[in-house]
């Protein structure tokens, strides 16, 4: 990803895709038009790119349906053709193997494995187990060079026998071979404390903030994180709302302040 850190990415979360229990009859063509219009707005606003996630399909398991993989591939290809110079991440709920396949087909810049790269958690569909072995297997078979970024005990998950998050981060990179991380806490203070611990142990690994970013805290957080995925705050608390231009402006101003601080820090070093 040849962009200045920290990266400011927006979650693209289309309406439920055909085949999903929550789809109410909207066609893939209609959804694609909406997705492309949203990406245009995001680019015009000044963000660095997007993470495409089928957030509104449900209930979601760890094995994506064939049609979901096909539809996500079509949407991802449409985004990449329309905005080839913007960063595109892929997140197929909650199937890391499918995410790698879609990323390869679309020419995406990275994969996010949110639920669940390592460990075991309990969800509404039962136990979810770490997918690192299966993800590494498909990467090897495909010769994939698309980076895989894995969540460190995603905030909304209920993990069984969790390690301290900084230790879990080290395991994800050194033992499960992720290229980067998504990490964060429930508060700004927790997120700052966590990134400082991770940096001490993994100084060269890209770490993105997975959630909790606002216009008030983004500058301070991005002095330490390499990027952020945002949706709720710039959409006035509801991911289905359009982007609020004023909030987006405030958010991006915070990103720019963080970039200046990081540049100054690099010059001093």
C-alpha atoms as a PDB file:
ATOM      1  CA  UNK A   1       0.000   0.000   0.000  1.00  0.00           C
ATOM      2  CA  UNK A   2       1.886   3.021  -1.269  1.00  0.00           C
ATOM      3  CA  UNK A   3       0.147   5.657   0.836  1.00  0.00           C
ATOM      4  CA  UNK A   4       1.160   7.856   3.736  1.00  0.00           C
ATOM      5  CA  UNK A   5       0.513   6.396   7.167  1.00  0.00           C
ATOM      6  CA  UNK A   6      -1.775   6.659   8.965  1.00  0.00           C
ATOM      7  CA  UNK A   7      -4.369   5.547   6.435  1.00  0.00           C
ATOM      8  CA  UNK A   8      -7.977   6.677   6.757  1.00  0.00           C
ATOM      9  CA  UNK A   9     -10.311   3.975   5.453  1.00  0.00           C
ATOM     10  CA  UNK A  10     -14.110   3.839   5.450  1.00  0.00           C
ATOM     11  CA  UNK A  11     -16.152   0.660   5.866  1.00  0.00           C
ATOM     12  CA  UNK A  12     -18.320  -0.090   2.815  1.00  0.00           C
ATOM     13  CA  UNK A  13     -21.177  -2.215   4.178  1.00  0.00           C
ATOM     14  CA  UNK A  14     -23.819  -2.857   1.487  1.00  0.00           C
ATOM     15  CA  UNK A  15     -27.366  -3.948   2.138  1.00  0.00           C
ATOM     16  CA  UNK A  16     -27.885  -7.678   2.616  1.00  0.00           C
ATOM     17  CA  UNK A  17     -26.822  -9.548  -0.506  1.00  0.00           C
ATOM     18  CA  UNK A  18     -29.135 -11.889  -2.458  1.00  0.00           C
ATOM     19  CA  UNK A  19     -29.214 -15.272  -0.748  1.00  0.00           C
ATOM     20  CA  UNK A  20     -28.850 -13.762   2.712  1.00  0.00           C
ATOM     21  CA  UNK A  21     -31.674 -14.271   5.192  1.00  0.00           C
ATOM     22  CA  UNK A  22     -31.911 -10.491   5.595  1.00  0.00           C
ATOM     23  CA  UNK A  23     -32.166  -9.696   1.881  1.00  0.00           C
ATOM     24  CA  UNK A  24     -35.623  -8.297   1.114  1.00  0.00           C
ATOM     25  CA  UNK A  25     -35.502  -8.625  -2.659  1.00  0.00           C
ATOM     26  CA  UNK A  26     -32.952  -5.977  -3.594  1.00  0.00           C
ATOM     27  CA  UNK A  27     -30.947  -7.136  -6.597  1.00  0.00           C
ATOM     28  CA  UNK A  28     -27.188  -7.340  -6.836  1.00  0.00           C
ATOM     29  CA  UNK A  29     -27.258  -4.722  -9.599  1.00  0.00           C
ATOM     30  CA  UNK A  30     -29.063  -2.265  -7.322  1.00  0.00           C
ATOM     31  CA  UNK A  31     -26.663  -2.959  -4.473  1.00  0.00           C
ATOM     32  CA  UNK A  32     -23.678  -2.498  -6.774  1.00  0.00           C
ATOM     33  CA  UNK A  33     -24.946   0.920  -7.887  1.00  0.00           C
ATOM     34  CA  UNK A  34     -25.320   2.004  -4.260  1.00  0.00           C
ATOM     35  CA  UNK A  35     -21.854   0.726  -3.354  1.00  0.00           C
ATOM     36  CA  UNK A  36     -20.161   2.539  -6.231  1.00  0.00           C
ATOM     37  CA  UNK A  37     -22.001   5.763  -5.417  1.00  0.00           C
ATOM     38  CA  UNK A  38     -20.793   5.504  -1.819  1.00  0.00           C
ATOM     39  CA  UNK A  39     -17.205   4.920  -2.912  1.00  0.00           C
ATOM     40  CA  UNK A  40     -17.403   8.033  -5.101  1.00  0.00           C
ATOM     41  CA  UNK A  41     -18.543  10.053  -2.083  1.00  0.00           C
ATOM     42  CA  UNK A  42     -15.736   8.625   0.056  1.00  0.00           C
ATOM     43  CA  UNK A  43     -13.100   9.477  -2.538  1.00  0.00           C
ATOM     44  CA  UNK A  44     -14.499  12.980  -3.057  1.00  0.00           C
ATOM     45  CA  UNK A  45     -14.407  13.526   0.698  1.00  0.00           C
ATOM     46  CA  UNK A  46     -10.693  12.747   0.807  1.00  0.00           C
ATOM     47  CA  UNK A  47     -10.333   9.308   2.402  1.00  0.00           C
ATOM     48  CA  UNK A  48      -7.571   6.914   1.352  1.00  0.00           C
ATOM     49  CA  UNK A  49      -9.809   3.961   0.576  1.00  0.00           C
ATOM     50  CA  UNK A  50     -12.290   1.400   1.822  1.00  0.00           C
ATOM     51  CA  UNK A  51     -12.861  -1.971   3.449  1.00  0.00           C
ATOM     52  CA  UNK A  52     -15.664  -3.908   1.740  1.00  0.00           C
ATOM     53  CA  UNK A  53     -17.633  -5.993   4.261  1.00  0.00           C
ATOM     54  CA  UNK A  54     -20.930  -7.864   3.920  1.00  0.00           C
ATOM     55  CA  UNK A  55     -21.867  -6.643   7.396  1.00  0.00           C
ATOM     56  CA  UNK A  56     -25.611  -6.813   6.828  1.00  0.00           C
ATOM     57  CA  UNK A  57     -25.759 -10.459   5.754  1.00  0.00           C
ATOM     58  CA  UNK A  58     -26.943 -12.593   8.601  1.00  0.00           C
ATOM     59  CA  UNK A  59     -26.822 -14.701  10.544  1.00  0.00           C
ATOM     60  CA  UNK A  60     -23.154 -15.120   9.585  1.00  0.00           C
ATOM     61  CA  UNK A  61     -21.065 -18.248  10.126  1.00  0.00           C
ATOM     62  CA  UNK A  62     -17.388 -18.953   9.449  1.00  0.00           C
ATOM     63  CA  UNK A  63     -18.152 -20.526   6.074  1.00  0.00           C
ATOM     64  CA  UNK A  64     -19.360 -18.063   3.462  1.00  0.00           C
ATOM     65  CA  UNK A  65     -21.919 -19.257   0.920  1.00  0.00           C
ATOM     66  CA  UNK A  66     -20.753 -19.661  -2.708  1.00  0.00           C
ATOM     67  CA  UNK A  67     -23.061 -16.883  -3.890  1.00  0.00           C
ATOM     68  CA  UNK A  68     -21.729 -14.534  -1.194  1.00  0.00           C
ATOM     69  CA  UNK A  69     -18.163 -15.097  -2.401  1.00  0.00           C
ATOM     70  CA  UNK A  70     -19.242 -14.474  -5.995  1.00  0.00           C
ATOM     71  CA  UNK A  71     -21.208 -11.330  -5.163  1.00  0.00           C
ATOM     72  CA  UNK A  72     -18.440  -9.878  -2.980  1.00  0.00           C
ATOM     73  CA  UNK A  73     -15.994 -10.506  -5.809  1.00  0.00           C
ATOM     74  CA  UNK A  74     -18.204  -8.594  -8.225  1.00  0.00           C
ATOM     75  CA  UNK A  75     -18.541  -5.666  -5.831  1.00  0.00           C
ATOM     76  CA  UNK A  76     -14.805  -5.633  -5.117  1.00  0.00           C
ATOM     77  CA  UNK A  77     -13.929  -5.684  -8.804  1.00  0.00           C
ATOM     78  CA  UNK A  78     -16.310  -2.811  -9.447  1.00  0.00           C
ATOM     79  CA  UNK A  79     -14.716  -0.730  -6.707  1.00  0.00           C
ATOM     80  CA  UNK A  80     -11.160  -1.473  -7.854  1.00  0.00           C
ATOM     81  CA  UNK A  81     -11.924  -0.656 -11.479  1.00  0.00           C
ATOM     82  CA  UNK A  82     -13.586   2.611 -10.494  1.00  0.00           C
ATOM     83  CA  UNK A  83     -10.904   3.704  -8.020  1.00  0.00           C
ATOM     84  CA  UNK A  84      -7.722   1.768  -8.869  1.00  0.00           C
ATOM     85  CA  UNK A  85      -5.456   4.089  -6.890  1.00  0.00           C
ATOM     86  CA  UNK A  86      -7.395   3.821  -3.642  1.00  0.00           C
ATOM     87  CA  UNK A  87      -6.746   1.204  -0.963  1.00  0.00           C
ATOM     88  CA  UNK A  88      -9.229  -1.696  -0.940  1.00  0.00           C
ATOM     89  CA  UNK A  89      -9.526  -4.176   1.911  1.00  0.00           C
ATOM     90  CA  UNK A  90     -11.754  -7.260   1.886  1.00  0.00           C
ATOM     91  CA  UNK A  91     -13.684  -8.652   4.867  1.00  0.00           C
ATOM     92  CA  UNK A  92     -16.108 -11.508   4.165  1.00  0.00           C
ATOM     93  CA  UNK A  93     -18.149 -12.274   7.292  1.00  0.00           C
ATOM     94  CA  UNK A  94     -16.633 -14.281   8.987  1.00  0.00           C
ATOM     95  CA  UNK A  95     -14.645 -16.376   6.549  1.00  0.00           C
ATOM     96  CA  UNK A  96     -10.952 -15.549   6.251  1.00  0.00           C
ATOM     97  CA  UNK A  97     -10.392 -18.135   3.531  1.00  0.00           C
ATOM     98  CA  UNK A  98     -13.167 -16.634   1.394  1.00  0.00           C
ATOM     99  CA  UNK A  99     -11.717 -13.177   2.057  1.00  0.00           C
ATOM    100  CA  UNK A 100      -8.344 -14.234   0.629  1.00  0.00           C
ATOM    101  CA  UNK A 101     -10.017 -15.716  -2.458  1.00  0.00           C
ATOM    102  CA  UNK A 102     -12.064 -12.554  -3.064  1.00  0.00           C
ATOM    103  CA  UNK A 103      -8.994 -10.351  -2.518  1.00  0.00           C
ATOM    104  CA  UNK A 104      -6.988 -12.357  -5.049  1.00  0.00           C
ATOM    105  CA  UNK A 105      -9.773 -12.144  -7.632  1.00  0.00           C
ATOM    106  CA  UNK A 106     -10.321  -8.409  -7.180  1.00  0.00           C
ATOM    107  CA  UNK A 107      -6.721  -7.248  -6.837  1.00  0.00           C
ATOM    108  CA  UNK A 108      -7.410  -5.937  -3.352  1.00  0.00           C
ATOM    109  CA  UNK A 109      -4.656  -4.458  -1.204  1.00  0.00           C
ATOM    110  CA  UNK A 110      -5.236  -6.467   1.966  1.00  0.00           C
ATOM    111  CA  UNK A 111      -7.554  -8.842   3.801  1.00  0.00           C
ATOM    112  CA  UNK A 112      -8.991  -8.252   7.246  1.00  0.00           C
ATOM    113  CA  UNK A 113      -9.778 -11.366   9.304  1.00  0.00           C
ATOM    114  CA  UNK A 114     -11.984 -10.052  12.092  1.00  0.00           C
ATOM    115  CA  UNK A 115     -13.671 -13.191  13.503  1.00  0.00           C
ATOM    116  CA  UNK A 116     -11.461 -15.207  14.065  1.00  0.00           C
ATOM    117  CA  UNK A 117      -7.786 -15.669  13.162  1.00  0.00           C
ATOM    118  CA  UNK A 118      -6.542 -17.354  16.347  1.00  0.00           C
ATOM    119  CA  UNK A 119      -8.204 -18.711  19.481  1.00  0.00           C
ATOM    120  CA  UNK A 120     -11.814 -19.694  20.177  1.00  0.00           C
ATOM    121  CA  UNK A 121     -14.853 -17.514  20.794  1.00  0.00           C
ATOM    122  CA  UNK A 122     -18.569 -17.929  21.416  1.00  0.00           C
ATOM    123  CA  UNK A 123     -21.034 -16.240  19.079  1.00  0.00           C
ATOM    124  CA  UNK A 124     -24.715 -16.410  18.232  1.00  0.00           C
ATOM    125  CA  UNK A 125     -24.029 -19.307  15.863  1.00  0.00           C
ATOM    126  CA  UNK A 126     -21.955 -21.253  18.397  1.00  0.00           C
ATOM    127  CA  UNK A 127     -18.218 -21.732  18.740  1.00  0.00           C
ATOM    128  CA  UNK A 128     -15.918 -19.968  16.301  1.00  0.00           C
ATOM    129  CA  UNK A 129     -12.359 -21.238  15.943  1.00  0.00           C
ATOM    130  CA  UNK A 130      -9.111 -19.778  14.665  1.00  0.00           C
ATOM    131  CA  UNK A 131      -8.706 -19.849  10.893  1.00  0.00           C
ATOM    132  CA  UNK A 132      -4.991 -19.125  10.671  1.00  0.00           C
ATOM    133  CA  UNK A 133      -4.042 -22.583   9.380  1.00  0.00           C
ATOM    134  CA  UNK A 134      -6.698 -22.550   6.663  1.00  0.00           C
ATOM    135  CA  UNK A 135      -5.824 -18.973   5.676  1.00  0.00           C
ATOM    136  CA  UNK A 136      -2.125 -19.812   5.432  1.00  0.00           C
ATOM    137  CA  UNK A 137      -3.017 -22.905   3.380  1.00  0.00           C
ATOM    138  CA  UNK A 138      -4.976 -21.004   0.730  1.00  0.00           C
ATOM    139  CA  UNK A 139      -2.314 -18.300   0.557  1.00  0.00           C
ATOM    140  CA  UNK A 140       0.290 -20.986  -0.133  1.00  0.00           C
ATOM    141  CA  UNK A 141      -1.841 -22.763  -2.728  1.00  0.00           C
ATOM    142  CA  UNK A 142      -2.616 -19.544  -4.587  1.00  0.00           C
ATOM    143  CA  UNK A 143       0.827 -18.022  -4.184  1.00  0.00           C
ATOM    144  CA  UNK A 144      -0.994 -15.050  -2.706  1.00  0.00           C
ATOM    145  CA  UNK A 145       0.964 -11.959  -1.757  1.00  0.00           C
ATOM    146  CA  UNK A 146      -2.089 -10.039  -0.522  1.00  0.00           C
ATOM    147  CA  UNK A 147      -1.305  -9.027   3.094  1.00  0.00           C
ATOM    148  CA  UNK A 148      -3.512 -10.520   5.800  1.00  0.00           C
ATOM    149  CA  UNK A 149      -4.331  -8.267   8.745  1.00  0.00           C
ATOM    150  CA  UNK A 150      -5.879 -10.050  11.723  1.00  0.00           C
ATOM    151  CA  UNK A 151      -7.886  -8.676  14.620  1.00  0.00           C
ATOM    152  CA  UNK A 152      -6.419  -9.055  18.086  1.00  0.00           C
ATOM    153  CA  UNK A 153      -9.373 -10.279  20.148  1.00  0.00           C
ATOM    154  CA  UNK A 154     -11.981  -8.150  18.412  1.00  0.00           C
ATOM    155  CA  UNK A 155     -13.850  -6.034  20.960  1.00  0.00           C
ATOM    156  CA  UNK A 156     -17.284  -7.518  20.280  1.00  0.00           C
ATOM    157  CA  UNK A 157     -16.224 -11.164  20.618  1.00  0.00           C
ATOM    158  CA  UNK A 158     -16.379 -13.388  23.717  1.00  0.00           C
ATOM    159  CA  UNK A 159     -13.088 -15.292  23.790  1.00  0.00           C
ATOM    160  CA  UNK A 160     -12.402 -18.485  25.696  1.00  0.00           C
ATOM    161  CA  UNK A 161      -9.187 -18.410  27.787  1.00  0.00           C
ATOM    162  CA  UNK A 162      -7.921 -15.136  26.281  1.00  0.00           C
ATOM    163  CA  UNK A 163      -4.289 -14.110  26.658  1.00  0.00           C
ATOM    164  CA  UNK A 164      -3.320 -10.525  27.378  1.00  0.00           C
ATOM    165  CA  UNK A 165      -3.860  -8.664  24.107  1.00  0.00           C
ATOM    166  CA  UNK A 166      -0.219  -7.757  23.528  1.00  0.00           C
ATOM    167  CA  UNK A 167       0.755 -11.425  23.938  1.00  0.00           C
ATOM    168  CA  UNK A 168      -2.032 -12.459  21.589  1.00  0.00           C
ATOM    169  CA  UNK A 169      -0.729  -9.930  19.044  1.00  0.00           C
ATOM    170  CA  UNK A 170       2.741 -11.468  19.159  1.00  0.00           C
ATOM    171  CA  UNK A 171       1.278 -14.964  18.631  1.00  0.00           C
ATOM    172  CA  UNK A 172      -0.807 -13.786  15.667  1.00  0.00           C
ATOM    173  CA  UNK A 173       2.279 -12.456  13.891  1.00  0.00           C
ATOM    174  CA  UNK A 174       5.044 -14.843  14.946  1.00  0.00           C
ATOM    175  CA  UNK A 175       3.146 -18.132  15.223  1.00  0.00           C
ATOM    176  CA  UNK A 176       0.165 -17.614  12.894  1.00  0.00           C
ATOM    177  CA  UNK A 177       1.997 -15.488  10.287  1.00  0.00           C
ATOM    178  CA  UNK A 178      -0.319 -12.514   9.853  1.00  0.00           C
ATOM    179  CA  UNK A 179       1.234  -9.532   8.081  1.00  0.00           C
ATOM    180  CA  UNK A 180      -0.468  -6.897  10.201  1.00  0.00           C
ATOM    181  CA  UNK A 181      -2.993  -6.345  12.958  1.00  0.00           C
ATOM    182  CA  UNK A 182      -6.259  -4.640  13.830  1.00  0.00           C
ATOM    183  CA  UNK A 183      -6.316  -3.839  17.528  1.00  0.00           C
ATOM    184  CA  UNK A 184      -8.038  -1.556  19.980  1.00  0.00           C
ATOM    185  CA  UNK A 185      -9.660  -1.173  23.349  1.00  0.00           C
ATOM    186  CA  UNK A 186     -13.048  -0.047  24.600  1.00  0.00           C
ATOM    187  CA  UNK A 187     -11.781   3.455  25.375  1.00  0.00           C
ATOM    188  CA  UNK A 188      -9.195   5.826  23.951  1.00  0.00           C
ATOM    189  CA  UNK A 189      -6.988   5.170  26.962  1.00  0.00           C
ATOM    190  CA  UNK A 190      -7.168   1.401  26.488  1.00  0.00           C
ATOM    191  CA  UNK A 191      -6.361   1.718  22.796  1.00  0.00           C
ATOM    192  CA  UNK A 192      -3.337   3.922  23.480  1.00  0.00           C
ATOM    193  CA  UNK A 193      -2.026   1.617  26.179  1.00  0.00           C
ATOM    194  CA  UNK A 194      -2.451  -1.409  23.914  1.00  0.00           C
ATOM    195  CA  UNK A 195      -0.694   0.056  20.871  1.00  0.00           C
ATOM    196  CA  UNK A 196       2.264   1.122  22.991  1.00  0.00           C
ATOM    197  CA  UNK A 197       2.628  -2.429  24.347  1.00  0.00           C
ATOM    198  CA  UNK A 198       2.346  -3.919  20.853  1.00  0.00           C
ATOM    199  CA  UNK A 199       4.867  -1.435  19.415  1.00  0.00           C
ATOM    200  CA  UNK A 200       7.382  -2.409  22.091  1.00  0.00           C
ATOM    201  CA  UNK A 201       7.195  -6.053  20.968  1.00  0.00           C
ATOM    202  CA  UNK A 202       6.389  -5.716  17.265  1.00  0.00           C
ATOM    203  CA  UNK A 203       7.914  -2.391  16.198  1.00  0.00           C
ATOM    204  CA  UNK A 204       7.751  -3.001  12.427  1.00  0.00           C
ATOM    205  CA  UNK A 205       4.309  -4.595  12.105  1.00  0.00           C
ATOM    206  CA  UNK A 206       1.464  -2.441  10.704  1.00  0.00           C
ATOM    207  CA  UNK A 207      -1.271  -1.967  13.301  1.00  0.00           C
ATOM    208  CA  UNK A 208      -4.681  -0.493  12.441  1.00  0.00           C
ATOM    209  CA  UNK A 209      -7.323   0.720  14.862  1.00  0.00           C
ATOM    210  CA  UNK A 210     -10.463  -1.373  14.353  1.00  0.00           C
ATOM    211  CA  UNK A 211     -13.018   0.891  16.024  1.00  0.00           C
ATOM    212  CA  UNK A 212     -13.732   3.605  18.535  1.00  0.00           C
ATOM    213  CA  UNK A 213     -12.320   6.465  16.480  1.00  0.00           C
ATOM    214  CA  UNK A 214     -13.995   9.883  16.664  1.00  0.00           C
ATOM    215  CA  UNK A 215     -13.152  13.389  15.610  1.00  0.00           C
ATOM    216  CA  UNK A 216     -12.086  14.092  19.180  1.00  0.00           C
ATOM    217  CA  UNK A 217      -9.566  11.266  19.596  1.00  0.00           C
ATOM    218  CA  UNK A 218      -8.397  10.412  16.073  1.00  0.00           C
ATOM    219  CA  UNK A 219      -5.362  12.704  16.025  1.00  0.00           C
ATOM    220  CA  UNK A 220      -3.959  11.341  19.281  1.00  0.00           C
ATOM    221  CA  UNK A 221      -4.619   7.720  18.294  1.00  0.00           C
ATOM    222  CA  UNK A 222      -3.129   8.012  14.818  1.00  0.00           C
ATOM    223  CA  UNK A 223       0.142   9.295  16.213  1.00  0.00           C
ATOM    224  CA  UNK A 224       0.646   5.636  17.149  1.00  0.00           C
ATOM    225  CA  UNK A 225      -1.557   3.528  14.847  1.00  0.00           C
ATOM    226  CA  UNK A 226      -0.861   3.035  11.136  1.00  0.00           C
ATOM    227  CA  UNK A 227      -4.452   3.406  10.032  1.00  0.00           C
ATOM    228  CA  UNK A 228      -8.097   3.276  10.978  1.00  0.00           C
ATOM    229  CA  UNK A 229     -11.358   1.893   9.647  1.00  0.00           C
ATOM    230  CA  UNK A 230     -14.271   4.194  10.415  1.00  0.00           C
ATOM    231  CA  UNK A 231     -17.988   4.120   9.773  1.00  0.00           C
ATOM    232  CA  UNK A 232     -20.210   4.966  12.723  1.00  0.00           C
ATOM    233  CA  UNK A 233     -18.798   8.334  13.786  1.00  0.00           C
ATOM    234  CA  UNK A 234     -18.702   9.936  10.334  1.00  0.00           C
ATOM    235  CA  UNK A 235     -22.259   8.657   9.720  1.00  0.00           C
ATOM    236  CA  UNK A 236     -23.744  10.221  12.878  1.00  0.00           C
ATOM    237  CA  UNK A 237     -23.922   7.017  14.867  1.00  0.00           C
ATOM    238  CA  UNK A 238     -25.635   4.806  12.278  1.00  0.00           C
ATOM    239  CA  UNK A 239     -23.647   2.858   9.679  1.00  0.00           C
ATOM    240  CA  UNK A 240     -26.620   2.986   7.279  1.00  0.00           C
ATOM    241  CA  UNK A 241     -26.548   6.785   7.143  1.00  0.00           C
ATOM    242  CA  UNK A 242     -24.655   8.656   4.420  1.00  0.00           C
ATOM    243  CA  UNK A 243     -21.357  10.251   5.344  1.00  0.00           C
ATOM    244  CA  UNK A 244     -21.726  13.582   7.129  1.00  0.00           C
ATOM    245  CA  UNK A 245     -19.364  15.921   5.206  1.00  0.00           C
ATOM    246  CA  UNK A 246     -18.687  18.104   8.244  1.00  0.00           C
ATOM    247  CA  UNK A 247     -17.796  15.144  10.424  1.00  0.00           C
ATOM    248  CA  UNK A 248     -15.639  13.694   7.664  1.00  0.00           C
ATOM    249  CA  UNK A 249     -13.771  17.006   7.411  1.00  0.00           C
ATOM    250  CA  UNK A 250     -13.094  17.058  11.153  1.00  0.00           C
ATOM    251  CA  UNK A 251     -11.959  13.425  11.062  1.00  0.00           C
ATOM    252  CA  UNK A 252      -9.555  13.952   8.160  1.00  0.00           C
ATOM    253  CA  UNK A 253      -8.126  17.088   9.745  1.00  0.00           C
ATOM    254  CA  UNK A 254      -7.232  14.919  12.739  1.00  0.00           C
ATOM    255  CA  UNK A 255      -5.550  12.415  10.432  1.00  0.00           C
ATOM    256  CA  UNK A 256      -3.469  15.179   8.851  1.00  0.00           C
ATOM    257  CA  UNK A 257      -2.342  16.464  12.253  1.00  0.00           C
ATOM    258  CA  UNK A 258      -1.211  12.959  13.165  1.00  0.00           C
ATOM    259  CA  UNK A 259       0.705  12.649   9.880  1.00  0.00           C
ATOM    260  CA  UNK A 260       2.560  15.871  10.593  1.00  0.00           C
ATOM    261  CA  UNK A 261       3.503  14.674  14.074  1.00  0.00           C
ATOM    262  CA  UNK A 262       4.780  11.381  12.679  1.00  0.00           C
ATOM    263  CA  UNK A 263       6.779  13.114   9.953  1.00  0.00           C
ATOM    264  CA  UNK A 264       8.399  15.395  12.514  1.00  0.00           C
ATOM    265  CA  UNK A 265       9.192  12.385  14.677  1.00  0.00           C
ATOM    266  CA  UNK A 266      10.888  10.635  11.748  1.00  0.00           C
ATOM    267  CA  UNK A 267      13.010  13.702  10.979  1.00  0.00           C
ATOM    268  CA  UNK A 268      14.226  13.849  14.571  1.00  0.00           C
ATOM    269  CA  UNK A 269      15.061  10.141  14.503  1.00  0.00           C
END
